[in-house]
Amino acid sequence: MKKIIAFGASSSKASINKKLATFAAHQFENTSVEVLDLNAYEMPIFSSDKENKNGIPPLAHDFYMKIGSADLIVISFAEHNGAYSAAFKNILDWTSRINGKTFQEKPMLLLATSTGARGGSTVLEIAKNRFPFQGAIIKGSYSLPSFNDNFDDNKGITNEELKNELLKIVKSISV
């Protein structure tokens, strides 16, 4: 059985992006899904001084190994001031010190959502443009606008048109 690693790139305990990533990952057939919580990877803010003094934190190695264990990675990005959340960026910074190709040539589905009409599309574009340089093989991307209007915790995406758009992307990705 193929393994999917999914997470919301946010440290919020009630992360809407974690909900979207979890929902999307469970749309793939014949797979096992492991949902990561970024709070489990909280590390000091990256700096070369800290790295020189203490080395790379074990949690960065743990995160890197989780990525390596996946057949597909599903990430949904929180948009903080138009970019990645500080929590995700810090994990990315530390993990990239292990290997600049952080994503280890793994196929990825990149998502974003927000409560606004643009659905985190700015951070999604940043990730789509940046991640291939860090070893990501981007197989698809999707933005869900107005999360509170289009998602239910029990039903998932409630807008049929938006749900079908995601399902079409999922079907196009072989795991």
N, C-alpha and C. Protein backbone atom coordinates (compact mmCIF):
# COMPACT_ATOMS: atom_id res chain seq x y z
N MET A 1 0.85 -1.18 0.00
CA MET A 1 0.00 0.00 0.00
C MET A 1 0.89 1.25 0.00
N LYS A 2 0.54 2.19 -0.84
CA LYS A 2 1.31 3.43 -0.95
C LYS A 2 1.01 4.35 0.24
N LYS A 3 2.00 5.13 0.62
CA LYS A 3 1.88 5.99 1.81
C LYS A 3 1.85 7.46 1.41
N ILE A 4 0.87 8.16 1.97
CA ILE A 4 0.76 9.61 1.79
C ILE A 4 1.08 10.28 3.11
N ILE A 5 1.95 11.26 3.05
CA ILE A 5 2.20 12.15 4.19
C ILE A 5 1.46 13.44 3.87
N ALA A 6 0.60 13.88 4.79
CA ALA A 6 -0.19 15.10 4.58
C ALA A 6 -0.04 16.01 5.79
N PHE A 7 -0.07 17.32 5.54
CA PHE A 7 -0.08 18.27 6.64
C PHE A 7 -0.50 19.65 6.17
N GLY A 8 -0.99 20.40 7.12
CA GLY A 8 -1.24 21.81 6.90
C GLY A 8 0.00 22.57 7.33
N ALA A 9 0.46 23.48 6.51
CA ALA A 9 1.69 24.23 6.80
C ALA A 9 1.38 25.39 7.74
N SER A 10 0.88 25.03 8.90
CA SER A 10 0.44 25.98 9.91
C SER A 10 0.63 25.35 11.27
N SER A 11 0.82 26.18 12.29
CA SER A 11 0.92 25.65 13.66
C SER A 11 -0.39 25.81 14.43
N SER A 12 -1.42 26.28 13.77
CA SER A 12 -2.71 26.46 14.42
C SER A 12 -3.29 25.10 14.80
N LYS A 13 -3.74 24.97 16.04
CA LYS A 13 -4.35 23.71 16.48
C LYS A 13 -5.64 23.43 15.71
N ALA A 14 -6.33 24.45 15.25
CA ALA A 14 -7.57 24.30 14.49
C ALA A 14 -7.34 24.66 13.02
N SER A 15 -6.18 24.30 12.49
CA SER A 15 -5.78 24.69 11.15
C SER A 15 -6.77 24.25 10.07
N ILE A 16 -7.29 25.21 9.33
CA ILE A 16 -8.16 24.88 8.20
C ILE A 16 -7.35 24.22 7.09
N ASN A 17 -6.07 24.54 7.02
CA ASN A 17 -5.23 23.92 6.00
C ASN A 17 -4.93 22.46 6.33
N LYS A 18 -4.79 22.15 7.59
CA LYS A 18 -4.63 20.74 7.99
C LYS A 18 -5.90 19.97 7.64
N LYS A 19 -7.06 20.60 7.85
CA LYS A 19 -8.33 19.95 7.49
C LYS A 19 -8.40 19.68 5.99
N LEU A 20 -8.01 20.66 5.19
CA LEU A 20 -8.05 20.48 3.73
C LEU A 20 -7.05 19.42 3.28
N ALA A 21 -5.84 19.45 3.82
CA ALA A 21 -4.83 18.46 3.43
C ALA A 21 -5.29 17.06 3.80
N THR A 22 -5.88 16.91 4.97
CA THR A 22 -6.37 15.61 5.42
C THR A 22 -7.49 15.11 4.52
N PHE A 23 -8.43 16.00 4.22
CA PHE A 23 -9.54 15.65 3.32
C PHE A 23 -9.00 15.21 1.95
N ALA A 24 -8.11 16.01 1.38
CA ALA A 24 -7.58 15.72 0.04
C ALA A 24 -6.82 14.39 0.04
N ALA A 25 -6.00 14.16 1.05
CA ALA A 25 -5.21 12.93 1.10
C ALA A 25 -6.10 11.69 1.15
N HIS A 26 -7.22 11.81 1.83
CA HIS A 26 -8.13 10.67 1.95
C HIS A 26 -8.97 10.43 0.70
N GLN A 27 -8.82 11.25 -0.32
CA GLN A 27 -9.53 11.03 -1.58
C GLN A 27 -8.78 10.06 -2.49
N PHE A 28 -7.53 9.76 -2.15
CA PHE A 28 -6.75 8.80 -2.94
C PHE A 28 -7.13 7.38 -2.51
N GLU A 29 -7.25 6.50 -3.48
CA GLU A 29 -7.65 5.12 -3.19
C GLU A 29 -6.43 4.25 -2.91
N ASN A 30 -6.65 3.22 -2.12
CA ASN A 30 -5.62 2.21 -1.82
C ASN A 30 -4.33 2.81 -1.29
N THR A 31 -4.46 3.74 -0.37
CA THR A 31 -3.30 4.37 0.23
C THR A 31 -3.48 4.42 1.75
N SER A 32 -2.37 4.57 2.46
CA SER A 32 -2.44 4.88 3.88
C SER A 32 -2.04 6.35 4.02
N VAL A 33 -2.67 7.03 4.96
CA VAL A 33 -2.42 8.46 5.14
C VAL A 33 -1.90 8.70 6.54
N GLU A 34 -0.78 9.39 6.62
CA GLU A 34 -0.25 9.85 7.90
C GLU A 34 -0.31 11.37 7.89
N VAL A 35 -1.04 11.93 8.85
CA VAL A 35 -1.19 13.39 8.93
C VAL A 35 -0.21 13.90 9.99
N LEU A 36 0.66 14.79 9.58
CA LEU A 36 1.64 15.38 10.50
C LEU A 36 1.07 16.65 11.12
N ASP A 37 1.51 16.94 12.31
CA ASP A 37 1.19 18.18 13.01
C ASP A 37 2.48 18.97 13.14
N LEU A 38 2.54 20.15 12.55
CA LEU A 38 3.78 20.93 12.60
C LEU A 38 4.22 21.26 14.02
N ASN A 39 3.28 21.26 14.96
CA ASN A 39 3.65 21.52 16.35
C ASN A 39 4.58 20.45 16.91
N ALA A 40 4.60 19.30 16.31
CA ALA A 40 5.50 18.23 16.74
C ALA A 40 6.93 18.47 16.27
N TYR A 41 7.13 19.51 15.46
CA TYR A 41 8.45 19.81 14.90
C TYR A 41 8.91 21.22 15.27
N GLU A 42 8.53 21.67 16.43
CA GLU A 42 8.91 23.01 16.87
C GLU A 42 10.38 23.03 17.26
N MET A 43 11.12 23.92 16.62
CA MET A 43 12.57 24.01 16.82
C MET A 43 12.96 25.48 17.02
N PRO A 44 14.18 25.71 17.51
CA PRO A 44 14.64 27.10 17.60
C PRO A 44 14.59 27.76 16.22
N ILE A 45 14.42 29.06 16.19
CA ILE A 45 14.44 29.77 14.91
C ILE A 45 15.80 29.55 14.26
N PHE A 46 15.77 29.17 12.99
CA PHE A 46 17.00 28.83 12.29
C PHE A 46 17.96 30.02 12.25
N SER A 47 19.22 29.72 12.50
CA SER A 47 20.32 30.65 12.23
C SER A 47 21.58 29.82 12.06
N SER A 48 22.51 30.28 11.25
CA SER A 48 23.76 29.54 11.06
C SER A 48 24.55 29.50 12.37
N ASP A 49 24.41 30.52 13.21
CA ASP A 49 25.10 30.50 14.51
C ASP A 49 24.60 29.34 15.36
N LYS A 50 23.28 29.14 15.40
CA LYS A 50 22.71 28.02 16.18
C LYS A 50 23.13 26.69 15.58
N GLU A 51 23.14 26.63 14.25
CA GLU A 51 23.56 25.39 13.60
C GLU A 51 25.03 25.08 13.91
N ASN A 52 25.89 26.09 13.85
CA ASN A 52 27.31 25.89 14.14
C ASN A 52 27.55 25.48 15.58
N LYS A 53 26.75 26.01 16.49
CA LYS A 53 26.93 25.73 17.92
C LYS A 53 26.33 24.38 18.31
N ASN A 54 25.13 24.07 17.82
CA ASN A 54 24.38 22.90 18.29
C ASN A 54 24.10 21.85 17.22
N GLY A 55 24.42 22.13 15.98
CA GLY A 55 24.10 21.20 14.90
C GLY A 55 22.63 21.32 14.49
N ILE A 56 22.22 20.44 13.62
CA ILE A 56 20.84 20.43 13.14
C ILE A 56 19.99 19.68 14.16
N PRO A 57 18.88 20.27 14.60
CA PRO A 57 18.05 19.61 15.60
C PRO A 57 17.54 18.24 15.15
N PRO A 58 17.43 17.28 16.08
CA PRO A 58 16.90 15.96 15.73
C PRO A 58 15.51 16.03 15.09
N LEU A 59 14.68 17.01 15.47
CA LEU A 59 13.35 17.12 14.87
C LEU A 59 13.41 17.41 13.38
N ALA A 60 14.44 18.13 12.94
CA ALA A 60 14.61 18.38 11.50
C ALA A 60 14.91 17.06 10.78
N HIS A 61 15.74 16.23 11.39
CA HIS A 61 16.04 14.91 10.82
C HIS A 61 14.78 14.05 10.79
N ASP A 62 13.98 14.12 11.85
CA ASP A 62 12.72 13.36 11.91
C ASP A 62 11.79 13.78 10.78
N PHE A 63 11.65 15.10 10.58
CA PHE A 63 10.78 15.60 9.51
C PHE A 63 11.29 15.14 8.15
N TYR A 64 12.59 15.25 7.94
CA TYR A 64 13.20 14.84 6.68
C TYR A 64 12.93 13.35 6.41
N MET A 65 13.04 12.53 7.45
CA MET A 65 12.78 11.10 7.29
C MET A 65 11.31 10.83 6.98
N LYS A 66 10.40 11.60 7.58
CA LYS A 66 8.97 11.45 7.26
C LYS A 66 8.73 11.74 5.79
N ILE A 67 9.32 12.82 5.30
CA ILE A 67 9.18 13.16 3.88
C ILE A 67 9.70 12.01 3.02
N GLY A 68 10.86 11.47 3.40
CA GLY A 68 11.47 10.38 2.66
C GLY A 68 10.65 9.10 2.66
N SER A 69 9.79 8.93 3.66
CA SER A 69 8.99 7.71 3.76
C SER A 69 7.73 7.74 2.89
N ALA A 70 7.44 8.88 2.29
CA ALA A 70 6.19 9.06 1.55
C ALA A 70 6.31 8.65 0.09
N ASP A 71 5.19 8.16 -0.43
CA ASP A 71 5.06 7.96 -1.88
C ASP A 71 4.43 9.20 -2.53
N LEU A 72 3.72 9.97 -1.72
CA LEU A 72 3.12 11.23 -2.16
C LEU A 72 3.03 12.15 -0.94
N ILE A 73 3.27 13.42 -1.15
CA ILE A 73 3.17 14.42 -0.08
C ILE A 73 2.05 15.38 -0.45
N VAL A 74 1.15 15.62 0.50
CA VAL A 74 0.06 16.56 0.32
C VAL A 74 0.23 17.66 1.37
N ILE A 75 0.44 18.89 0.90
CA ILE A 75 0.62 20.03 1.80
C ILE A 75 -0.43 21.07 1.46
N SER A 76 -1.07 21.63 2.48
CA SER A 76 -1.95 22.78 2.30
C SER A 76 -1.37 23.94 3.08
N PHE A 77 -1.19 25.05 2.40
CA PHE A 77 -0.47 26.20 2.95
C PHE A 77 -1.38 27.24 3.57
N ALA A 78 -1.05 27.60 4.80
CA ALA A 78 -1.62 28.79 5.41
C ALA A 78 -0.87 29.98 4.82
N GLU A 79 -1.60 31.05 4.57
CA GLU A 79 -0.97 32.24 4.02
C GLU A 79 -0.86 33.29 5.12
N HIS A 80 0.37 33.57 5.52
CA HIS A 80 0.64 34.60 6.53
C HIS A 80 1.33 35.78 5.84
N ASN A 81 0.63 36.88 5.74
CA ASN A 81 1.16 38.07 5.08
C ASN A 81 1.69 37.76 3.67
N GLY A 82 0.96 36.91 2.96
CA GLY A 82 1.29 36.60 1.57
C GLY A 82 2.34 35.53 1.38
N ALA A 83 2.81 34.89 2.45
CA ALA A 83 3.87 33.90 2.32
C ALA A 83 3.62 32.73 3.27
N TYR A 84 4.63 31.85 3.41
CA TYR A 84 4.54 30.70 4.31
C TYR A 84 4.37 31.16 5.75
N SER A 85 3.78 30.31 6.57
CA SER A 85 3.74 30.58 8.01
C SER A 85 5.17 30.46 8.54
N ALA A 86 5.45 31.17 9.62
CA ALA A 86 6.79 31.13 10.23
C ALA A 86 7.12 29.71 10.68
N ALA A 87 6.12 28.99 11.19
CA ALA A 87 6.35 27.62 11.66
C ALA A 87 6.83 26.73 10.51
N PHE A 88 6.16 26.80 9.37
CA PHE A 88 6.57 25.98 8.23
C PHE A 88 7.91 26.43 7.70
N LYS A 89 8.11 27.72 7.56
CA LYS A 89 9.37 28.24 7.01
C LYS A 89 10.55 27.80 7.87
N ASN A 90 10.39 27.79 9.18
CA ASN A 90 11.47 27.38 10.06
C ASN A 90 11.81 25.90 9.87
N ILE A 91 10.79 25.06 9.76
CA ILE A 91 11.02 23.63 9.52
C ILE A 91 11.71 23.45 8.17
N LEU A 92 11.27 24.18 7.17
CA LEU A 92 11.87 24.11 5.85
C LEU A 92 13.33 24.55 5.90
N ASP A 93 13.61 25.64 6.62
CA ASP A 93 14.99 26.13 6.72
C ASP A 93 15.91 25.11 7.38
N TRP A 94 15.48 24.54 8.49
CA TRP A 94 16.31 23.55 9.17
C TRP A 94 16.48 22.29 8.32
N THR A 95 15.40 21.81 7.75
CA THR A 95 15.46 20.56 6.98
C THR A 95 16.31 20.73 5.73
N SER A 96 16.31 21.89 5.14
CA SER A 96 17.11 22.12 3.93
C SER A 96 18.60 22.07 4.23
N ARG A 97 18.98 22.17 5.49
CA ARG A 97 20.39 22.05 5.86
C ARG A 97 20.87 20.60 5.83
N ILE A 98 19.93 19.67 5.90
CA ILE A 98 20.25 18.24 5.77
C ILE A 98 20.50 17.93 4.31
N ASN A 99 19.59 18.46 3.46
CA ASN A 99 19.67 18.23 2.02
C ASN A 99 18.91 19.36 1.36
N GLY A 100 19.58 20.09 0.46
CA GLY A 100 18.92 21.17 -0.26
C GLY A 100 17.73 20.69 -1.07
N LYS A 101 17.75 19.42 -1.44
CA LYS A 101 16.61 18.81 -2.13
C LYS A 101 15.69 18.20 -1.06
N THR A 102 15.19 19.06 -0.21
CA THR A 102 14.40 18.71 0.96
C THR A 102 13.32 17.68 0.66
N PHE A 103 12.68 17.81 -0.49
CA PHE A 103 11.52 16.97 -0.81
C PHE A 103 11.90 15.68 -1.54
N GLN A 104 13.19 15.45 -1.72
CA GLN A 104 13.73 14.16 -2.12
C GLN A 104 13.10 13.57 -3.37
N GLU A 105 12.75 14.45 -4.32
CA GLU A 105 12.16 14.02 -5.60
C GLU A 105 10.84 13.27 -5.42
N LYS A 106 10.09 13.67 -4.40
CA LYS A 106 8.79 13.05 -4.13
C LYS A 106 7.70 13.78 -4.88
N PRO A 107 6.70 13.05 -5.39
CA PRO A 107 5.55 13.71 -6.00
C PRO A 107 4.74 14.43 -4.93
N MET A 108 4.18 15.59 -5.30
CA MET A 108 3.46 16.41 -4.34
C MET A 108 2.19 16.98 -4.92
N LEU A 109 1.19 17.08 -4.05
CA LEU A 109 -0.03 17.82 -4.34
C LEU A 109 -0.01 19.03 -3.40
N LEU A 110 0.02 20.22 -3.98
CA LEU A 110 0.09 21.45 -3.20
C LEU A 110 -1.28 22.10 -3.17
N LEU A 111 -1.71 22.46 -1.97
CA LEU A 111 -3.01 23.06 -1.74
C LEU A 111 -2.87 24.33 -0.92
N ALA A 112 -3.93 25.11 -0.90
CA ALA A 112 -4.01 26.26 0.01
C ALA A 112 -5.48 26.59 0.19
N THR A 113 -5.78 27.14 1.35
CA THR A 113 -7.10 27.67 1.60
C THR A 113 -6.99 28.81 2.59
N SER A 114 -8.03 29.62 2.62
CA SER A 114 -8.15 30.69 3.60
C SER A 114 -9.63 31.02 3.72
N THR A 115 -9.95 31.88 4.63
CA THR A 115 -11.34 32.30 4.76
C THR A 115 -11.72 33.33 3.71
N GLY A 116 -10.74 33.84 2.99
CA GLY A 116 -10.98 34.84 1.96
C GLY A 116 -11.20 34.24 0.59
N ALA A 117 -11.60 35.08 -0.33
CA ALA A 117 -11.97 34.65 -1.69
C ALA A 117 -10.79 34.18 -2.52
N ARG A 118 -9.57 34.58 -2.16
CA ARG A 118 -8.40 34.15 -2.94
C ARG A 118 -7.84 32.81 -2.49
N GLY A 119 -8.30 32.30 -1.34
CA GLY A 119 -7.96 30.94 -0.92
C GLY A 119 -6.49 30.65 -0.74
N GLY A 120 -5.70 31.63 -0.34
CA GLY A 120 -4.27 31.38 -0.15
C GLY A 120 -3.50 31.25 -1.44
N SER A 121 -4.03 31.79 -2.52
CA SER A 121 -3.41 31.59 -3.84
C SER A 121 -2.02 32.22 -3.96
N THR A 122 -1.74 33.26 -3.18
CA THR A 122 -0.41 33.89 -3.26
C THR A 122 0.67 32.95 -2.74
N VAL A 123 0.45 32.36 -1.56
CA VAL A 123 1.46 31.43 -1.02
C VAL A 123 1.54 30.17 -1.86
N LEU A 124 0.44 29.75 -2.44
CA LEU A 124 0.45 28.57 -3.30
C LEU A 124 1.35 28.80 -4.51
N GLU A 125 1.27 29.97 -5.09
CA GLU A 125 2.15 30.31 -6.23
C GLU A 125 3.61 30.33 -5.82
N ILE A 126 3.90 30.86 -4.64
CA ILE A 126 5.28 30.87 -4.14
C ILE A 126 5.80 29.44 -4.05
N ALA A 127 5.01 28.55 -3.45
CA ALA A 127 5.42 27.16 -3.28
C ALA A 127 5.59 26.47 -4.64
N LYS A 128 4.65 26.68 -5.54
CA LYS A 128 4.74 26.05 -6.87
C LYS A 128 6.01 26.46 -7.60
N ASN A 129 6.42 27.70 -7.44
CA ASN A 129 7.62 28.19 -8.11
C ASN A 129 8.90 27.78 -7.40
N ARG A 130 8.87 27.66 -6.08
CA ARG A 130 10.07 27.39 -5.29
C ARG A 130 10.37 25.91 -5.10
N PHE A 131 9.36 25.11 -4.84
CA PHE A 131 9.57 23.72 -4.42
C PHE A 131 10.33 22.85 -5.43
N PRO A 132 10.15 23.03 -6.74
CA PRO A 132 10.96 22.21 -7.66
C PRO A 132 12.47 22.37 -7.43
N PHE A 133 12.91 23.53 -7.00
CA PHE A 133 14.33 23.74 -6.71
C PHE A 133 14.75 22.96 -5.46
N GLN A 134 13.77 22.57 -4.66
CA GLN A 134 14.06 21.82 -3.43
C GLN A 134 13.63 20.36 -3.55
N GLY A 135 13.59 19.86 -4.77
CA GLY A 135 13.37 18.45 -4.99
C GLY A 135 11.93 17.99 -5.02
N ALA A 136 10.99 18.88 -5.24
CA ALA A 136 9.58 18.49 -5.33
C ALA A 136 9.21 18.20 -6.78
N ILE A 137 8.42 17.17 -6.97
CA ILE A 137 7.82 16.90 -8.28
C ILE A 137 6.34 17.22 -8.12
N ILE A 138 5.96 18.41 -8.56
CA ILE A 138 4.60 18.88 -8.35
C ILE A 138 3.67 18.24 -9.37
N LYS A 139 2.72 17.47 -8.86
CA LYS A 139 1.77 16.75 -9.71
C LYS A 139 0.45 17.50 -9.87
N GLY A 140 0.18 18.44 -8.96
CA GLY A 140 -1.06 19.18 -9.04
C GLY A 140 -1.10 20.23 -7.95
N SER A 141 -2.00 21.20 -8.14
CA SER A 141 -2.21 22.24 -7.13
C SER A 141 -3.67 22.65 -7.16
N TYR A 142 -4.11 23.16 -6.00
CA TYR A 142 -5.52 23.48 -5.85
C TYR A 142 -5.68 24.50 -4.73
N SER A 143 -6.52 25.49 -4.95
CA SER A 143 -6.84 26.50 -3.95
C SER A 143 -8.33 26.48 -3.67
N LEU A 144 -8.69 26.37 -2.38
CA LEU A 144 -10.09 26.41 -1.98
C LEU A 144 -10.40 27.78 -1.40
N PRO A 145 -11.23 28.57 -2.08
CA PRO A 145 -11.58 29.90 -1.57
C PRO A 145 -12.61 29.81 -0.45
N SER A 146 -12.68 30.85 0.34
CA SER A 146 -13.74 31.03 1.34
C SER A 146 -14.03 29.74 2.10
N PHE A 147 -13.03 29.26 2.82
CA PHE A 147 -13.11 27.98 3.51
C PHE A 147 -14.39 27.80 4.31
N ASN A 148 -14.75 28.80 5.10
CA ASN A 148 -15.92 28.67 5.98
C ASN A 148 -17.23 28.48 5.21
N ASP A 149 -17.27 28.95 3.98
CA ASP A 149 -18.47 28.81 3.15
C ASP A 149 -18.47 27.51 2.33
N ASN A 150 -17.30 26.91 2.16
CA ASN A 150 -17.17 25.80 1.22
C ASN A 150 -16.67 24.49 1.82
N PHE A 151 -16.54 24.43 3.15
CA PHE A 151 -16.01 23.22 3.78
C PHE A 151 -16.77 22.94 5.07
N ASP A 152 -17.06 21.68 5.28
CA ASP A 152 -17.72 21.22 6.50
C ASP A 152 -16.82 20.13 7.10
N ASP A 153 -16.61 20.20 8.41
CA ASP A 153 -15.71 19.23 9.05
C ASP A 153 -16.14 17.79 8.83
N ASN A 154 -17.41 17.52 8.71
CA ASN A 154 -17.90 16.16 8.51
C ASN A 154 -18.03 15.75 7.05
N LYS A 155 -18.32 16.71 6.18
CA LYS A 155 -18.58 16.41 4.77
C LYS A 155 -17.40 16.75 3.86
N GLY A 156 -16.49 17.57 4.31
CA GLY A 156 -15.40 18.02 3.44
C GLY A 156 -15.86 19.21 2.61
N ILE A 157 -15.42 19.26 1.37
CA ILE A 157 -15.78 20.36 0.48
C ILE A 157 -17.25 20.21 0.12
N THR A 158 -18.02 21.26 0.40
CA THR A 158 -19.47 21.20 0.21
C THR A 158 -19.92 21.75 -1.13
N ASN A 159 -19.14 22.61 -1.74
CA ASN A 159 -19.45 23.15 -3.05
C ASN A 159 -19.08 22.09 -4.09
N GLU A 160 -20.07 21.54 -4.77
CA GLU A 160 -19.84 20.42 -5.70
C GLU A 160 -18.84 20.76 -6.80
N GLU A 161 -18.94 21.96 -7.35
CA GLU A 161 -18.02 22.36 -8.43
C GLU A 161 -16.57 22.37 -7.91
N LEU A 162 -16.36 22.96 -6.73
CA LEU A 162 -15.02 23.01 -6.16
C LEU A 162 -14.53 21.63 -5.76
N LYS A 163 -15.41 20.81 -5.24
CA LYS A 163 -15.05 19.44 -4.86
C LYS A 163 -14.65 18.64 -6.10
N ASN A 164 -15.43 18.75 -7.18
CA ASN A 164 -15.12 18.02 -8.41
C ASN A 164 -13.79 18.47 -9.01
N GLU A 165 -13.47 19.75 -8.86
CA GLU A 165 -12.19 20.26 -9.35
C GLU A 165 -11.04 19.56 -8.63
N LEU A 166 -11.14 19.43 -7.30
CA LEU A 166 -10.10 18.72 -6.55
C LEU A 166 -10.07 17.25 -6.92
N LEU A 167 -11.22 16.61 -7.01
CA LEU A 167 -11.27 15.18 -7.33
C LEU A 167 -10.66 14.89 -8.72
N LYS A 168 -10.85 15.79 -9.65
CA LYS A 168 -10.24 15.64 -10.98
C LYS A 168 -8.72 15.64 -10.88
N ILE A 169 -8.17 16.54 -10.04
CA ILE A 169 -6.73 16.61 -9.83
C ILE A 169 -6.24 15.32 -9.15
N VAL A 170 -6.96 14.88 -8.13
CA VAL A 170 -6.59 13.65 -7.42
C VAL A 170 -6.55 12.47 -8.39
N LYS A 171 -7.56 12.35 -9.25
CA LYS A 171 -7.60 11.23 -10.20
C LYS A 171 -6.46 11.28 -11.21
N SER A 172 -5.92 12.48 -11.46
CA SER A 172 -4.83 12.62 -12.43
C SER A 172 -3.47 12.23 -11.85
N ILE A 173 -3.42 12.01 -10.54
CA ILE A 173 -2.15 11.70 -9.87
C ILE A 173 -2.13 10.21 -9.53
N SER A 174 -1.15 9.51 -10.05
CA SER A 174 -1.03 8.10 -9.69
C SER A 174 -0.05 7.98 -8.52
N VAL A 175 -0.50 7.24 -7.53
CA VAL A 175 0.33 7.03 -6.33
C VAL A 175 0.84 5.62 -6.35
